Amino acid sequence: MDTRLQELAHARYSQKAFLGALFDLALDEQWFDLQHMVQHDMAKAIIADYSYEMGRDYLNQDLFFNCWEEVIDVGWTTFCLHTGMTREKVDTSLAQLREGI
């Protein structure tokens, strides 16, 4: 992942208000909403801003598909560090969510 994109992802996912909202969702076991916020809302916003900064229009599709998973990984890693929840617990909860759909 490009250094600037990584910096942007760390900064965005580390915002106090965002982490607070994620923590509240985790307490309520709202995994669908957690997943949506980390993997869709914030990841798209980060990549869109990065794409625009790089002069590649707003939310360049090639950039999005090439970086999306790495940006999301930063999000879940930051979430785990903030909450103390293990990545294994996150992955298990997301897998259960997928199985239930």
Protein backbone atom coordinates (compact mmCIF):
# COMPACT_ATOMS: atom_id res chain seq x y z
CA MET A 1 0.00 0.00 0.00
CA ASP A 2 1.25 3.47 -0.83
CA THR A 3 2.59 5.38 2.18
CA ARG A 4 0.16 8.27 1.77
CA LEU A 5 -2.84 5.94 1.53
CA GLN A 6 -1.67 4.09 4.62
CA GLU A 7 -1.28 7.36 6.54
CA LEU A 8 -4.74 8.47 5.46
CA ALA A 9 -6.28 5.13 6.44
CA HIS A 10 -4.63 5.16 9.88
CA ALA A 11 -5.73 8.75 10.50
CA ARG A 12 -9.32 8.17 9.46
CA TYR A 13 -9.86 4.87 11.20
CA SER A 14 -8.28 6.29 14.38
CA GLN A 15 -10.74 9.17 14.72
CA LYS A 16 -12.11 9.17 18.26
CA ALA A 17 -15.75 9.60 17.25
CA PHE A 18 -15.53 6.84 14.65
CA LEU A 19 -13.89 4.40 17.07
CA GLY A 20 -16.47 5.30 19.70
CA ALA A 21 -19.30 4.47 17.32
CA LEU A 22 -17.64 1.17 16.40
CA PHE A 23 -17.13 0.32 20.06
CA ASP A 24 -20.81 0.92 20.81
CA LEU A 25 -21.81 -1.33 17.91
CA ALA A 26 -19.43 -4.03 19.15
CA LEU A 27 -20.94 -3.90 22.63
CA ASP A 28 -24.36 -4.48 21.08
CA GLU A 29 -22.99 -7.24 18.77
CA GLN A 30 -24.15 -5.28 15.72
CA TRP A 31 -21.75 -6.98 13.32
CA PHE A 32 -23.63 -6.08 10.15
CA ASP A 33 -23.40 -2.36 10.98
CA LEU A 34 -19.78 -2.71 12.13
CA GLN A 35 -18.84 -4.41 8.90
CA HIS A 36 -20.65 -1.82 6.84
CA MET A 37 -18.95 1.10 8.57
CA VAL A 38 -15.43 -0.36 8.38
CA GLN A 39 -15.56 -2.07 5.02
CA HIS A 40 -17.88 0.19 3.07
CA ASP A 41 -18.44 3.65 4.49
CA MET A 42 -14.96 4.48 5.73
CA ALA A 43 -12.96 2.45 3.20
CA LYS A 44 -14.75 4.14 0.30
CA ALA A 45 -14.30 7.58 1.84
CA ILE A 46 -10.58 7.02 2.39
CA ILE A 47 -9.98 5.70 -1.11
CA ALA A 48 -12.12 8.44 -2.66
CA ASP A 49 -10.12 11.16 -0.91
CA TYR A 50 -6.84 9.48 -1.80
CA SER A 51 -7.91 9.08 -5.41
CA TYR A 52 -8.86 12.74 -5.60
CA GLU A 53 -5.54 13.78 -3.99
CA MET A 54 -3.67 11.75 -6.60
CA GLY A 55 -5.53 13.50 -9.43
CA ARG A 56 -7.29 10.31 -10.47
CA ASP A 57 -10.82 11.65 -10.12
CA TYR A 58 -13.14 10.88 -7.26
CA LEU A 59 -13.08 7.17 -6.32
CA ASN A 60 -11.07 5.81 -9.25
CA GLN A 61 -12.26 2.22 -9.79
CA ASP A 62 -8.83 0.73 -10.50
CA LEU A 63 -7.44 2.32 -7.37
CA PHE A 64 -10.46 1.18 -5.38
CA PHE A 65 -10.19 -2.47 -6.43
CA ASN A 66 -6.41 -2.54 -5.98
CA CYS A 67 -6.40 -1.01 -2.48
CA TRP A 68 -9.75 -1.84 -0.93
CA GLU A 69 -8.69 -4.94 1.03
CA GLU A 70 -5.53 -3.33 2.42
CA VAL A 71 -7.47 -0.27 3.57
CA ILE A 72 -10.06 -2.48 5.26
CA ASP A 73 -7.29 -4.41 7.00
CA VAL A 74 -6.05 -1.14 8.52
CA GLY A 75 -9.60 -0.52 9.72
CA TRP A 76 -10.01 -3.86 11.45
CA THR A 77 -6.51 -3.69 12.93
CA THR A 78 -7.25 -0.25 14.36
CA PHE A 79 -10.60 -1.48 15.69
CA CYS A 80 -8.92 -4.43 17.42
CA LEU A 81 -6.27 -2.23 18.99
CA HIS A 82 -8.93 0.17 20.27
CA THR A 83 -11.32 -2.44 21.67
CA GLY A 84 -8.86 -5.12 22.74
CA MET A 85 -10.84 -7.61 20.69
CA THR A 86 -8.75 -10.18 18.84
CA ARG A 87 -8.69 -10.32 15.06
CA GLU A 88 -9.77 -13.94 15.35
CA LYS A 89 -12.96 -12.85 17.17
CA VAL A 90 -13.63 -10.26 14.47
CA ASP A 91 -13.06 -12.76 11.66
CA THR A 92 -15.25 -15.37 13.38
CA SER A 93 -18.06 -12.87 13.93
CA LEU A 94 -17.91 -11.69 10.31
CA ALA A 95 -17.93 -15.31 9.09
CA GLN A 96 -21.02 -16.02 11.21
CA LEU A 97 -22.66 -12.95 9.73
CA ARG A 98 -21.95 -14.18 6.18
CA GLU A 99 -23.28 -17.65 7.02
CA GLY A 100 -26.47 -16.17 8.42
CA ILE A 101 -27.27 -14.19 5.28
